[in-house]
Amino acid sequence: MRKEIVTRYENNPILTRDDVPYKVETVHNAGVARFGGRYMMLFRSHLDSGRSIIGLAESADGFDFKVRSEPFMVPSKEGVFAEYEEYGVEDPRITFLEGAYYITYSAYSRHGVRIGLAKTMDFESVERVSFITQADYRNTVIFPEKINGRYVKLDRPHSDISPWSIWISFSNDLIHWGDSRVVMKPVTYHWDEMKIGPGAPPIRTDKGWLNIYHGVFPTMDGCVYRLGVALHELDDPAKIIAVGDRWILQPQDPWEITGYVHNVVFSCAAVAEDDGTVKIYWGGADKVMCAGTAVIDELVDFCLEDSRPPM
């Protein structure tokens, strides 16, 4: 039997709506980062209106989380942010960059969905910086360092012409982005054939930037969301060295198979540890939060040993 490359935490799910001290219907799609010796989780929750907010939970070990008494981000009521966050804020990713924790999140409104950029220094207060895409974009992750003097992000624009694919963009100031190009596309009749998108912010390794992404396959019973890995060149992340041909994680446990949206594992966070392992966090069926561990070198080898072209 093939060894699983991701080891699920034995006490999954690690966070559910029952752990939240205010009324929510779901807990899922969370960004996670280390801060002050603790793990900080920004998780998405549906309200019973169907719209989403972002809560905060913290943990000493990265598995046992306690939720704070109030949400961390709710749709803004002021200025341009109010107009474009009217329907909710969703799916945060966290990147520690130049002394600050930058948060990318999906902002929904009557105008569509676009990506907002916020930052926090202490996970007590949050400052909205700018919107960094037009409509319709999702799944934006920012690299944790400048590359060749510029900031770099991956995201997934919506398109009805080409399968939903991963694009790269560059910036001098984190606000204005350009030099965009497509770097990775789904493969026909493959586990990610319908659409792909960045998951966790990329992790630097000796052999390249490790990109944990999600892929979607359409079935007669709806879509299945799984996780895969790709490896980007360190000095030019627009070039992809390898894409693992097989998925690393698929819906398996009951809370991943059945929930708000069935058959989903969806990651917005992976925390690299000093011992060479990585904690991977994923939403299960858009209802609960789960976690697992993997060895970073094994994920890299998984890309290199059984790879497919990026496009």
C-alpha atoms as a PDB file:
ATOM      1  CA  MET A   1       0.000   0.000   0.000  1.00  0.00           C
ATOM      2  CA  ARG A   2       1.318   3.456  -0.943  1.00  0.00           C
ATOM      3  CA  LYS A   3       2.489   5.538   2.026  1.00  0.00           C
ATOM      4  CA  GLU A   4       0.399   8.660   2.488  1.00  0.00           C
ATOM      5  CA  ILE A   5       2.566  11.733   1.992  1.00  0.00           C
ATOM      6  CA  VAL A   6       0.350  13.842   4.283  1.00  0.00           C
ATOM      7  CA  THR A   7      -0.344  12.434   7.762  1.00  0.00           C
ATOM      8  CA  ARG A   8      -3.705  13.555   9.094  1.00  0.00           C
ATOM      9  CA  TYR A   9      -3.809  14.795  12.688  1.00  0.00           C
ATOM     10  CA  GLU A  10      -5.420  12.070  14.768  1.00  0.00           C
ATOM     11  CA  ASN A  11      -7.872  14.443  16.456  1.00  0.00           C
ATOM     12  CA  ASN A  12      -9.273  16.104  13.343  1.00  0.00           C
ATOM     13  CA  PRO A  13     -11.268  18.212  12.918  1.00  0.00           C
ATOM     14  CA  ILE A  14      -9.274  20.741  14.924  1.00  0.00           C
ATOM     15  CA  LEU A  15     -11.939  23.481  14.831  1.00  0.00           C
ATOM     16  CA  THR A  16     -15.710  23.466  14.295  1.00  0.00           C
ATOM     17  CA  ARG A  17     -18.530  25.957  14.693  1.00  0.00           C
ATOM     18  CA  ASP A  18     -19.115  24.556  18.194  1.00  0.00           C
ATOM     19  CA  ASP A  19     -15.729  25.992  19.223  1.00  0.00           C
ATOM     20  CA  VAL A  20     -16.741  29.545  18.264  1.00  0.00           C
ATOM     21  CA  PRO A  21     -18.216  31.713  21.064  1.00  0.00           C
ATOM     22  CA  TYR A  22     -20.429  33.666  18.633  1.00  0.00           C
ATOM     23  CA  LYS A  23     -22.987  32.280  16.213  1.00  0.00           C
ATOM     24  CA  VAL A  24     -21.576  30.920  12.945  1.00  0.00           C
ATOM     25  CA  GLU A  25     -22.581  28.065  10.674  1.00  0.00           C
ATOM     26  CA  THR A  26     -19.146  26.942   9.454  1.00  0.00           C
ATOM     27  CA  VAL A  27     -15.418  27.169  10.215  1.00  0.00           C
ATOM     28  CA  HIS A  28     -13.104  26.625   7.237  1.00  0.00           C
ATOM     29  CA  ASN A  29     -10.473  27.890   4.767  1.00  0.00           C
ATOM     30  CA  ALA A  30      -8.077  29.421   7.293  1.00  0.00           C
ATOM     31  CA  GLY A  31      -4.740  31.164   7.014  1.00  0.00           C
ATOM     32  CA  VAL A  32      -2.216  30.287   9.738  1.00  0.00           C
ATOM     33  CA  ALA A  33       1.078  31.891  10.805  1.00  0.00           C
ATOM     34  CA  ARG A  34       3.426  31.753  13.781  1.00  0.00           C
ATOM     35  CA  PHE A  35       3.528  34.852  15.970  1.00  0.00           C
ATOM     36  CA  GLY A  36       5.236  35.259  19.339  1.00  0.00           C
ATOM     37  CA  GLY A  37       5.709  31.530  19.804  1.00  0.00           C
ATOM     38  CA  ARG A  38       2.072  30.767  19.005  1.00  0.00           C
ATOM     39  CA  TYR A  39       0.074  29.762  15.956  1.00  0.00           C
ATOM     40  CA  MET A  40      -2.477  32.329  14.815  1.00  0.00           C
ATOM     41  CA  MET A  41      -5.375  31.121  12.671  1.00  0.00           C
ATOM     42  CA  LEU A  42      -7.640  33.416  10.671  1.00  0.00           C
ATOM     43  CA  PHE A  43     -10.635  31.308   9.662  1.00  0.00           C
ATOM     44  CA  ARG A  44     -13.626  31.922   7.447  1.00  0.00           C
ATOM     45  CA  SER A  45     -17.151  31.386   8.767  1.00  0.00           C
ATOM     46  CA  HIS A  46     -20.536  31.556   7.112  1.00  0.00           C
ATOM     47  CA  LEU A  47     -23.205  33.432   9.011  1.00  0.00           C
ATOM     48  CA  ASP A  48     -26.819  32.315   8.797  1.00  0.00           C
ATOM     49  CA  SER A  49     -27.270  35.062   6.210  1.00  0.00           C
ATOM     50  CA  GLY A  50     -24.962  33.033   3.950  1.00  0.00           C
ATOM     51  CA  ARG A  51     -22.283  35.737   4.018  1.00  0.00           C
ATOM     52  CA  SER A  52     -18.788  35.276   5.443  1.00  0.00           C
ATOM     53  CA  ILE A  53     -16.627  36.834   8.147  1.00  0.00           C
ATOM     54  CA  ILE A  54     -13.136  36.057   9.452  1.00  0.00           C
ATOM     55  CA  GLY A  55     -12.463  34.906  13.009  1.00  0.00           C
ATOM     56  CA  LEU A  56      -9.235  34.395  14.943  1.00  0.00           C
ATOM     57  CA  ALA A  57      -8.051  31.408  16.950  1.00  0.00           C
ATOM     58  CA  GLU A  58      -4.680  30.771  18.563  1.00  0.00           C
ATOM     59  CA  SER A  59      -2.718  27.734  19.671  1.00  0.00           C
ATOM     60  CA  ALA A  60       0.505  26.807  21.432  1.00  0.00           C
ATOM     61  CA  ASP A  61       1.074  23.628  19.422  1.00  0.00           C
ATOM     62  CA  GLY A  62      -0.621  24.307  16.084  1.00  0.00           C
ATOM     63  CA  PHE A  63      -3.426  21.807  16.721  1.00  0.00           C
ATOM     64  CA  ASP A  64      -5.374  22.798  19.827  1.00  0.00           C
ATOM     65  CA  PHE A  65      -6.912  26.184  18.992  1.00  0.00           C
ATOM     66  CA  LYS A  66      -8.998  28.558  21.097  1.00  0.00           C
ATOM     67  CA  VAL A  67     -11.216  31.109  19.343  1.00  0.00           C
ATOM     68  CA  ARG A  68     -11.281  34.731  20.455  1.00  0.00           C
ATOM     69  CA  SER A  69     -14.557  36.187  21.606  1.00  0.00           C
ATOM     70  CA  GLU A  70     -15.067  38.538  18.648  1.00  0.00           C
ATOM     71  CA  PRO A  71     -14.493  38.237  14.867  1.00  0.00           C
ATOM     72  CA  PHE A  72     -11.198  39.558  13.506  1.00  0.00           C
ATOM     73  CA  MET A  73     -12.539  40.951  10.221  1.00  0.00           C
ATOM     74  CA  VAL A  74     -16.073  41.686   9.105  1.00  0.00           C
ATOM     75  CA  PRO A  75     -17.161  43.582   5.977  1.00  0.00           C
ATOM     76  CA  SER A  76     -16.039  47.193   6.221  1.00  0.00           C
ATOM     77  CA  LYS A  77     -18.590  49.966   6.684  1.00  0.00           C
ATOM     78  CA  GLU A  78     -16.284  52.727   5.452  1.00  0.00           C
ATOM     79  CA  GLY A  79     -15.266  54.089   2.052  1.00  0.00           C
ATOM     80  CA  VAL A  80     -14.279  51.969  -0.926  1.00  0.00           C
ATOM     81  CA  PHE A  81     -13.801  48.876   1.216  1.00  0.00           C
ATOM     82  CA  ALA A  82     -17.467  48.960   2.246  1.00  0.00           C
ATOM     83  CA  GLU A  83     -18.601  48.940  -1.383  1.00  0.00           C
ATOM     84  CA  TYR A  84     -16.451  45.958  -2.370  1.00  0.00           C
ATOM     85  CA  GLU A  85     -16.864  43.900   0.837  1.00  0.00           C
ATOM     86  CA  GLU A  86     -20.636  44.234   0.992  1.00  0.00           C
ATOM     87  CA  TYR A  87     -21.314  40.505   0.611  1.00  0.00           C
ATOM     88  CA  GLY A  88     -18.504  39.199   2.821  1.00  0.00           C
ATOM     89  CA  VAL A  89     -14.797  38.592   3.391  1.00  0.00           C
ATOM     90  CA  GLU A  90     -13.411  35.105   2.799  1.00  0.00           C
ATOM     91  CA  ASP A  91     -10.480  32.691   2.531  1.00  0.00           C
ATOM     92  CA  PRO A  92      -7.583  34.605   4.168  1.00  0.00           C
ATOM     93  CA  ARG A  93      -3.944  33.768   3.522  1.00  0.00           C
ATOM     94  CA  ILE A  94      -1.161  35.135   5.755  1.00  0.00           C
ATOM     95  CA  THR A  95       2.378  36.011   4.654  1.00  0.00           C
ATOM     96  CA  PHE A  96       5.032  37.295   7.066  1.00  0.00           C
ATOM     97  CA  LEU A  97       6.954  39.851   5.038  1.00  0.00           C
ATOM     98  CA  GLU A  98       9.314  42.640   6.104  1.00  0.00           C
ATOM     99  CA  GLY A  99       8.182  42.599   9.742  1.00  0.00           C
ATOM    100  CA  ALA A 100       4.424  42.582   9.100  1.00  0.00           C
ATOM    101  CA  TYR A 101       1.778  39.929   8.604  1.00  0.00           C
ATOM    102  CA  TYR A 102       0.054  40.572   5.287  1.00  0.00           C
ATOM    103  CA  ILE A 103      -3.397  39.092   4.751  1.00  0.00           C
ATOM    104  CA  THR A 104      -4.906  38.511   1.333  1.00  0.00           C
ATOM    105  CA  TYR A 105      -8.642  37.850   1.346  1.00  0.00           C
ATOM    106  CA  SER A 106     -11.525  37.538  -1.090  1.00  0.00           C
ATOM    107  CA  ALA A 107     -13.944  40.475  -0.961  1.00  0.00           C
ATOM    108  CA  TYR A 108     -17.406  39.807  -2.364  1.00  0.00           C
ATOM    109  CA  SER A 109     -19.906  42.417  -3.536  1.00  0.00           C
ATOM    110  CA  ARG A 110     -22.481  43.090  -6.236  1.00  0.00           C
ATOM    111  CA  HIS A 111     -19.483  43.918  -8.464  1.00  0.00           C
ATOM    112  CA  GLY A 112     -17.993  40.418  -8.189  1.00  0.00           C
ATOM    113  CA  VAL A 113     -15.054  39.133  -6.164  1.00  0.00           C
ATOM    114  CA  ARG A 114     -11.672  40.805  -5.881  1.00  0.00           C
ATOM    115  CA  ILE A 115      -8.679  40.454  -3.579  1.00  0.00           C
ATOM    116  CA  GLY A 116      -8.112  42.752  -0.627  1.00  0.00           C
ATOM    117  CA  LEU A 117      -4.780  43.256   1.118  1.00  0.00           C
ATOM    118  CA  ALA A 118      -4.654  43.943   4.847  1.00  0.00           C
ATOM    119  CA  LYS A 119      -1.900  43.790   7.435  1.00  0.00           C
ATOM    120  CA  THR A 120      -1.448  43.332  11.147  1.00  0.00           C
ATOM    121  CA  MET A 121       1.556  43.671  13.401  1.00  0.00           C
ATOM    122  CA  ASP A 122       0.088  41.997  16.468  1.00  0.00           C
ATOM    123  CA  PHE A 123      -3.145  40.131  15.566  1.00  0.00           C
ATOM    124  CA  GLU A 124      -4.986  42.603  17.801  1.00  0.00           C
ATOM    125  CA  SER A 125      -5.826  45.180  15.142  1.00  0.00           C
ATOM    126  CA  VAL A 126      -5.920  45.017  11.361  1.00  0.00           C
ATOM    127  CA  GLU A 127      -5.312  47.705   8.739  1.00  0.00           C
ATOM    128  CA  ARG A 128      -6.779  47.443   5.262  1.00  0.00           C
ATOM    129  CA  VAL A 129      -4.157  48.462   2.702  1.00  0.00           C
ATOM    130  CA  SER A 130      -5.703  48.230  -0.760  1.00  0.00           C
ATOM    131  CA  PHE A 131      -7.509  46.099  -3.280  1.00  0.00           C
ATOM    132  CA  ILE A 132      -4.824  44.416  -5.376  1.00  0.00           C
ATOM    133  CA  THR A 133      -6.901  42.895  -8.182  1.00  0.00           C
ATOM    134  CA  GLN A 134      -9.892  43.745 -10.277  1.00  0.00           C
ATOM    135  CA  ALA A 135     -12.858  41.355 -10.523  1.00  0.00           C
ATOM    136  CA  ASP A 136     -12.889  38.344 -10.785  1.00  0.00           C
ATOM    137  CA  TYR A 137      -9.901  36.943  -8.904  1.00  0.00           C
ATOM    138  CA  ARG A 138      -9.499  34.482  -6.043  1.00  0.00           C
ATOM    139  CA  ASN A 139      -6.811  32.493  -4.209  1.00  0.00           C
ATOM    140  CA  THR A 140      -4.083  35.142  -4.019  1.00  0.00           C
ATOM    141  CA  VAL A 141      -0.890  34.232  -2.164  1.00  0.00           C
ATOM    142  CA  ILE A 142       2.121  36.515  -1.689  1.00  0.00           C
ATOM    143  CA  PHE A 143       5.662  35.141  -1.575  1.00  0.00           C
ATOM    144  CA  PRO A 144       7.413  35.711   1.808  1.00  0.00           C
ATOM    145  CA  GLU A 145      10.301  37.727   0.326  1.00  0.00           C
ATOM    146  CA  LYS A 146      11.146  39.986  -2.584  1.00  0.00           C
ATOM    147  CA  ILE A 147      12.591  38.249  -5.632  1.00  0.00           C
ATOM    148  CA  ASN A 148      14.899  40.272  -7.859  1.00  0.00           C
ATOM    149  CA  GLY A 149      13.769  43.426  -6.066  1.00  0.00           C
ATOM    150  CA  ARG A 150      10.038  42.897  -6.547  1.00  0.00           C
ATOM    151  CA  TYR A 151       7.150  41.437  -4.603  1.00  0.00           C
ATOM    152  CA  VAL A 152       5.529  38.397  -6.169  1.00  0.00           C
ATOM    153  CA  LYS A 153       2.044  36.901  -5.977  1.00  0.00           C
ATOM    154  CA  LEU A 154       0.178  33.953  -7.420  1.00  0.00           C
ATOM    155  CA  ASP A 155      -3.557  33.971  -7.999  1.00  0.00           C
ATOM    156  CA  ARG A 156      -6.361  32.518 -10.099  1.00  0.00           C
ATOM    157  CA  PRO A 157      -8.444  34.802 -12.347  1.00  0.00           C
ATOM    158  CA  HIS A 158     -11.827  33.579 -13.543  1.00  0.00           C
ATOM    159  CA  SER A 159     -12.125  32.709 -17.218  1.00  0.00           C
ATOM    160  CA  ASP A 160     -14.777  31.012 -19.335  1.00  0.00           C
ATOM    161  CA  ILE A 161     -12.409  30.779 -22.302  1.00  0.00           C
ATOM    162  CA  SER A 162      -9.526  28.848 -20.722  1.00  0.00           C
ATOM    163  CA  PRO A 163      -9.634  26.503 -17.701  1.00  0.00           C
ATOM    164  CA  TRP A 164      -9.111  28.400 -14.456  1.00  0.00           C
ATOM    165  CA  SER A 165      -5.334  28.556 -14.108  1.00  0.00           C
ATOM    166  CA  ILE A 166      -2.552  29.888 -11.869  1.00  0.00           C
ATOM    167  CA  TRP A 167      -1.039  33.251 -12.834  1.00  0.00           C
ATOM    168  CA  ILE A 168       1.945  35.181 -11.460  1.00  0.00           C
ATOM    169  CA  SER A 169       2.275  38.977 -11.031  1.00  0.00           C
ATOM    170  CA  PHE A 170       4.918  41.375  -9.726  1.00  0.00           C
ATOM    171  CA  SER A 171       4.906  44.643  -7.774  1.00  0.00           C
ATOM    172  CA  ASN A 172       7.229  47.336  -6.480  1.00  0.00           C
ATOM    173  CA  ASP A 173       4.921  48.430  -3.647  1.00  0.00           C
ATOM    174  CA  LEU A 174       2.461  45.564  -2.885  1.00  0.00           C
ATOM    175  CA  ILE A 175      -0.390  47.703  -4.244  1.00  0.00           C
ATOM    176  CA  HIS A 176       0.179  48.047  -7.997  1.00  0.00           C
ATOM    177  CA  TRP A 177       0.709  44.720  -9.763  1.00  0.00           C
ATOM    178  CA  GLY A 178       1.642  43.832 -13.324  1.00  0.00           C
ATOM    179  CA  ASP A 179       3.921  41.867 -15.662  1.00  0.00           C
ATOM    180  CA  SER A 180       1.314  39.122 -15.261  1.00  0.00           C
ATOM    181  CA  ARG A 181       1.439  35.788 -17.039  1.00  0.00           C
ATOM    182  CA  VAL A 182      -0.060  32.336 -16.770  1.00  0.00           C
ATOM    183  CA  VAL A 183       2.325  29.735 -15.310  1.00  0.00           C
ATOM    184  CA  MET A 184       0.263  26.609 -14.740  1.00  0.00           C
ATOM    185  CA  LYS A 185      -2.909  25.118 -16.204  1.00  0.00           C
ATOM    186  CA  PRO A 186      -5.133  22.115 -15.504  1.00  0.00           C
ATOM    187  CA  VAL A 187      -4.676  18.895 -17.479  1.00  0.00           C
ATOM    188  CA  THR A 188      -7.557  17.309 -19.383  1.00  0.00           C
ATOM    189  CA  TYR A 189      -9.042  14.220 -17.744  1.00  0.00           C
ATOM    190  CA  HIS A 190      -6.755  14.590 -14.765  1.00  0.00           C
ATOM    191  CA  TRP A 191      -7.514  15.014 -11.080  1.00  0.00           C
ATOM    192  CA  ASP A 192      -7.250  18.825 -11.456  1.00  0.00           C
ATOM    193  CA  GLU A 193      -8.792  19.137 -14.929  1.00  0.00           C
ATOM    194  CA  MET A 194     -11.555  21.654 -14.121  1.00  0.00           C
ATOM    195  CA  LYS A 195      -9.621  24.368 -12.280  1.00  0.00           C
ATOM    196  CA  ILE A 196      -6.576  24.951 -10.120  1.00  0.00           C
ATOM    197  CA  GLY A 197      -5.605  27.704  -7.690  1.00  0.00           C
ATOM    198  CA  PRO A 198      -2.864  28.592  -5.202  1.00  0.00           C
ATOM    199  CA  GLY A 199      -3.417  27.303  -1.680  1.00  0.00           C
ATOM    200  CA  ALA A 200      -0.810  28.217   0.934  1.00  0.00           C
ATOM    201  CA  PRO A 201       1.799  30.948   0.439  1.00  0.00           C
ATOM    202  CA  PRO A 202       4.875  29.343  -1.180  1.00  0.00           C
ATOM    203  CA  ILE A 203       7.581  27.811   1.004  1.00  0.00           C
ATOM    204  CA  ARG A 204      11.273  28.326   0.184  1.00  0.00           C
ATOM    205  CA  THR A 205      13.285  25.109  -0.162  1.00  0.00           C
ATOM    206  CA  ASP A 206      16.798  24.446  -1.426  1.00  0.00           C
ATOM    207  CA  LYS A 207      15.371  23.153  -4.713  1.00  0.00           C
ATOM    208  CA  GLY A 208      12.689  25.769  -5.344  1.00  0.00           C
ATOM    209  CA  TRP A 209       9.521  27.398  -4.067  1.00  0.00           C
ATOM    210  CA  LEU A 210       7.047  24.753  -2.916  1.00  0.00           C
ATOM    211  CA  ASN A 211       3.511  25.650  -3.992  1.00  0.00           C
ATOM    212  CA  ILE A 212       0.689  23.675  -2.354  1.00  0.00           C
ATOM    213  CA  TYR A 213      -2.297  24.187  -4.638  1.00  0.00           C
ATOM    214  CA  HIS A 214      -5.838  22.892  -5.024  1.00  0.00           C
ATOM    215  CA  GLY A 215      -7.264  21.139  -8.046  1.00  0.00           C
ATOM    216  CA  VAL A 216     -10.866  20.384  -8.928  1.00  0.00           C
ATOM    217  CA  PHE A 217     -12.328  17.431 -10.843  1.00  0.00           C
ATOM    218  CA  PRO A 218     -15.951  17.382 -12.039  1.00  0.00           C
ATOM    219  CA  THR A 219     -17.956  14.194 -11.458  1.00  0.00           C
ATOM    220  CA  MET A 220     -21.563  13.086 -11.966  1.00  0.00           C
ATOM    221  CA  ASP A 221     -22.053  13.781  -8.242  1.00  0.00           C
ATOM    222  CA  GLY A 222     -20.449  17.246  -8.176  1.00  0.00           C
ATOM    223  CA  CYS A 223     -16.888  18.507  -7.935  1.00  0.00           C
ATOM    224  CA  VAL A 224     -14.045  16.983  -5.889  1.00  0.00           C
ATOM    225  CA  TYR A 225     -11.396  19.326  -4.424  1.00  0.00           C
ATOM    226  CA  ARG A 226      -7.942  17.862  -3.767  1.00  0.00           C
ATOM    227  CA  LEU A 227      -4.440  19.189  -2.981  1.00  0.00           C
ATOM    228  CA  GLY A 228      -1.300  18.907  -5.083  1.00  0.00           C
ATOM    229  CA  VAL A 229       2.204  20.371  -5.165  1.00  0.00           C
ATOM    230  CA  ALA A 230       4.354  22.239  -7.670  1.00  0.00           C
ATOM    231  CA  LEU A 231       7.917  23.571  -7.523  1.00  0.00           C
ATOM    232  CA  HIS A 232       8.898  27.033  -8.843  1.00  0.00           C
ATOM    233  CA  GLU A 233      12.424  28.293  -9.554  1.00  0.00           C
ATOM    234  CA  LEU A 234      13.856  30.314  -6.663  1.00  0.00           C
ATOM    235  CA  ASP A 235      15.160  33.233  -8.734  1.00  0.00           C
ATOM    236  CA  ASP A 236      12.380  33.215 -11.329  1.00  0.00           C
ATOM    237  CA  PRO A 237       9.169  31.768  -9.881  1.00  0.00           C
ATOM    238  CA  ALA A 238       7.396  32.310 -13.212  1.00  0.00           C
ATOM    239  CA  LYS A 239       9.285  29.167 -14.262  1.00  0.00           C
ATOM    240  CA  ILE A 240       7.909  25.944 -12.837  1.00  0.00           C
ATOM    241  CA  ILE A 241      10.433  23.151 -12.358  1.00  0.00           C
ATOM    242  CA  ALA A 242       7.953  20.371 -11.729  1.00  0.00           C
ATOM    243  CA  VAL A 243       4.323  19.587 -10.915  1.00  0.00           C
ATOM    244  CA  GLY A 244       3.476  16.466  -8.962  1.00  0.00           C
ATOM    245  CA  ASP A 245       1.364  14.287 -11.249  1.00  0.00           C
ATOM    246  CA  ARG A 246      -0.717  12.859  -8.392  1.00  0.00           C
ATOM    247  CA  TRP A 247      -2.610  14.553  -5.587  1.00  0.00           C
ATOM    248  CA  ILE A 248      -1.181  14.645  -2.067  1.00  0.00           C
ATOM    249  CA  LEU A 249      -4.533  14.821  -0.249  1.00  0.00           C
ATOM    250  CA  GLN A 250      -8.142  14.069  -1.142  1.00  0.00           C
ATOM    251  CA  PRO A 251     -11.434  13.985   0.792  1.00  0.00           C
ATOM    252  CA  GLN A 252     -11.421  10.871   2.928  1.00  0.00           C
ATOM    253  CA  ASP A 253     -12.730  11.437   6.439  1.00  0.00           C
ATOM    254  CA  PRO A 254     -16.488  11.863   6.981  1.00  0.00           C
ATOM    255  CA  TRP A 255     -16.172  15.609   7.677  1.00  0.00           C
ATOM    256  CA  GLU A 256     -14.316  16.074   4.377  1.00  0.00           C
ATOM    257  CA  ILE A 257     -16.814  14.059   2.346  1.00  0.00           C
ATOM    258  CA  THR A 258     -20.030  15.519   3.780  1.00  0.00           C
ATOM    259  CA  GLY A 259     -20.653  19.103   4.860  1.00  0.00           C
ATOM    260  CA  TYR A 260     -21.614  22.516   3.540  1.00  0.00           C
ATOM    261  CA  VAL A 261     -19.964  21.606   0.213  1.00  0.00           C
ATOM    262  CA  HIS A 262     -19.309  17.872  -0.166  1.00  0.00           C
ATOM    263  CA  ASN A 263     -15.949  16.310  -1.121  1.00  0.00           C
ATOM    264  CA  VAL A 264     -13.618  19.204  -0.368  1.00  0.00           C
ATOM    265  CA  VAL A 265     -10.143  19.585   1.090  1.00  0.00           C
ATOM    266  CA  PHE A 266      -9.093  23.207   0.555  1.00  0.00           C
ATOM    267  CA  SER A 267      -5.905  24.722   1.977  1.00  0.00           C
ATOM    268  CA  CYS A 268      -4.998  28.349   2.647  1.00  0.00           C
ATOM    269  CA  ALA A 269      -2.071  27.645   5.002  1.00  0.00           C
ATOM    270  CA  ALA A 270       1.088  25.608   5.482  1.00  0.00           C
ATOM    271  CA  VAL A 271       3.550  26.394   8.270  1.00  0.00           C
ATOM    272  CA  ALA A 272       7.140  25.213   7.767  1.00  0.00           C
ATOM    273  CA  GLU A 273       8.817  23.981  10.949  1.00  0.00           C
ATOM    274  CA  ASP A 274      12.497  24.022  11.939  1.00  0.00           C
ATOM    275  CA  ASP A 275      12.692  20.219  11.868  1.00  0.00           C
ATOM    276  CA  GLY A 276      11.968  20.023   8.135  1.00  0.00           C
ATOM    277  CA  THR A 277       8.296  19.204   8.461  1.00  0.00           C
ATOM    278  CA  VAL A 278       5.310  21.322   7.513  1.00  0.00           C
ATOM    279  CA  LYS A 279       1.911  21.642   9.139  1.00  0.00           C
ATOM    280  CA  ILE A 280      -0.772  21.809   6.455  1.00  0.00           C
ATOM    281  CA  TYR A 281      -4.228  23.195   7.259  1.00  0.00           C
ATOM    282  CA  TRP A 282      -7.357  22.618   5.210  1.00  0.00           C
ATOM    283  CA  GLY A 283     -11.062  23.193   5.305  1.00  0.00           C
ATOM    284  CA  GLY A 284     -13.104  19.988   5.248  1.00  0.00           C
ATOM    285  CA  ALA A 285     -16.282  20.129   3.139  1.00  0.00           C
ATOM    286  CA  ASP A 286     -16.416  23.906   3.730  1.00  0.00           C
ATOM    287  CA  LYS A 287     -17.554  23.240   7.304  1.00  0.00           C
ATOM    288  CA  VAL A 288     -14.629  22.346   9.628  1.00  0.00           C
ATOM    289  CA  MET A 289     -10.873  22.916   9.920  1.00  0.00           C
ATOM    290  CA  CYS A 290      -8.423  20.044   9.708  1.00  0.00           C
ATOM    291  CA  ALA A 291      -4.647  19.687   9.940  1.00  0.00           C
ATOM    292  CA  GLY A 292      -1.895  17.299   8.981  1.00  0.00           C
ATOM    293  CA  THR A 293       1.864  17.067   8.654  1.00  0.00           C
ATOM    294  CA  ALA A 294       4.309  16.230   5.900  1.00  0.00           C
ATOM    295  CA  VAL A 295       8.079  16.238   5.340  1.00  0.00           C
ATOM    296  CA  ILE A 296       9.066  19.135   3.102  1.00  0.00           C
ATOM    297  CA  ASP A 297      11.808  17.189   1.308  1.00  0.00           C
ATOM    298  CA  GLU A 298       9.324  14.405   0.542  1.00  0.00           C
ATOM    299  CA  LEU A 299       6.912  16.906  -1.012  1.00  0.00           C
ATOM    300  CA  VAL A 300       9.746  18.289  -3.144  1.00  0.00           C
ATOM    301  CA  ASP A 301      10.804  14.790  -4.221  1.00  0.00           C
ATOM    302  CA  PHE A 302       7.158  13.996  -4.973  1.00  0.00           C
ATOM    303  CA  CYS A 303       7.219  16.844  -7.517  1.00  0.00           C
ATOM    304  CA  LEU A 304      10.548  15.878  -9.056  1.00  0.00           C
ATOM    305  CA  GLU A 305      10.160  12.093  -9.250  1.00  0.00           C
ATOM    306  CA  ASP A 306       6.700  11.890 -10.815  1.00  0.00           C
ATOM    307  CA  SER A 307       6.133  15.158 -12.614  1.00  0.00           C
ATOM    308  CA  ARG A 308       3.956  16.510 -15.406  1.00  0.00           C
ATOM    309  CA  PRO A 309       4.411  19.689 -17.469  1.00  0.00           C
ATOM    310  CA  PRO A 310       2.852  22.833 -15.950  1.00  0.00           C
ATOM    311  CA  MET A 311       0.922  23.592 -19.178  1.00  0.00           C
END
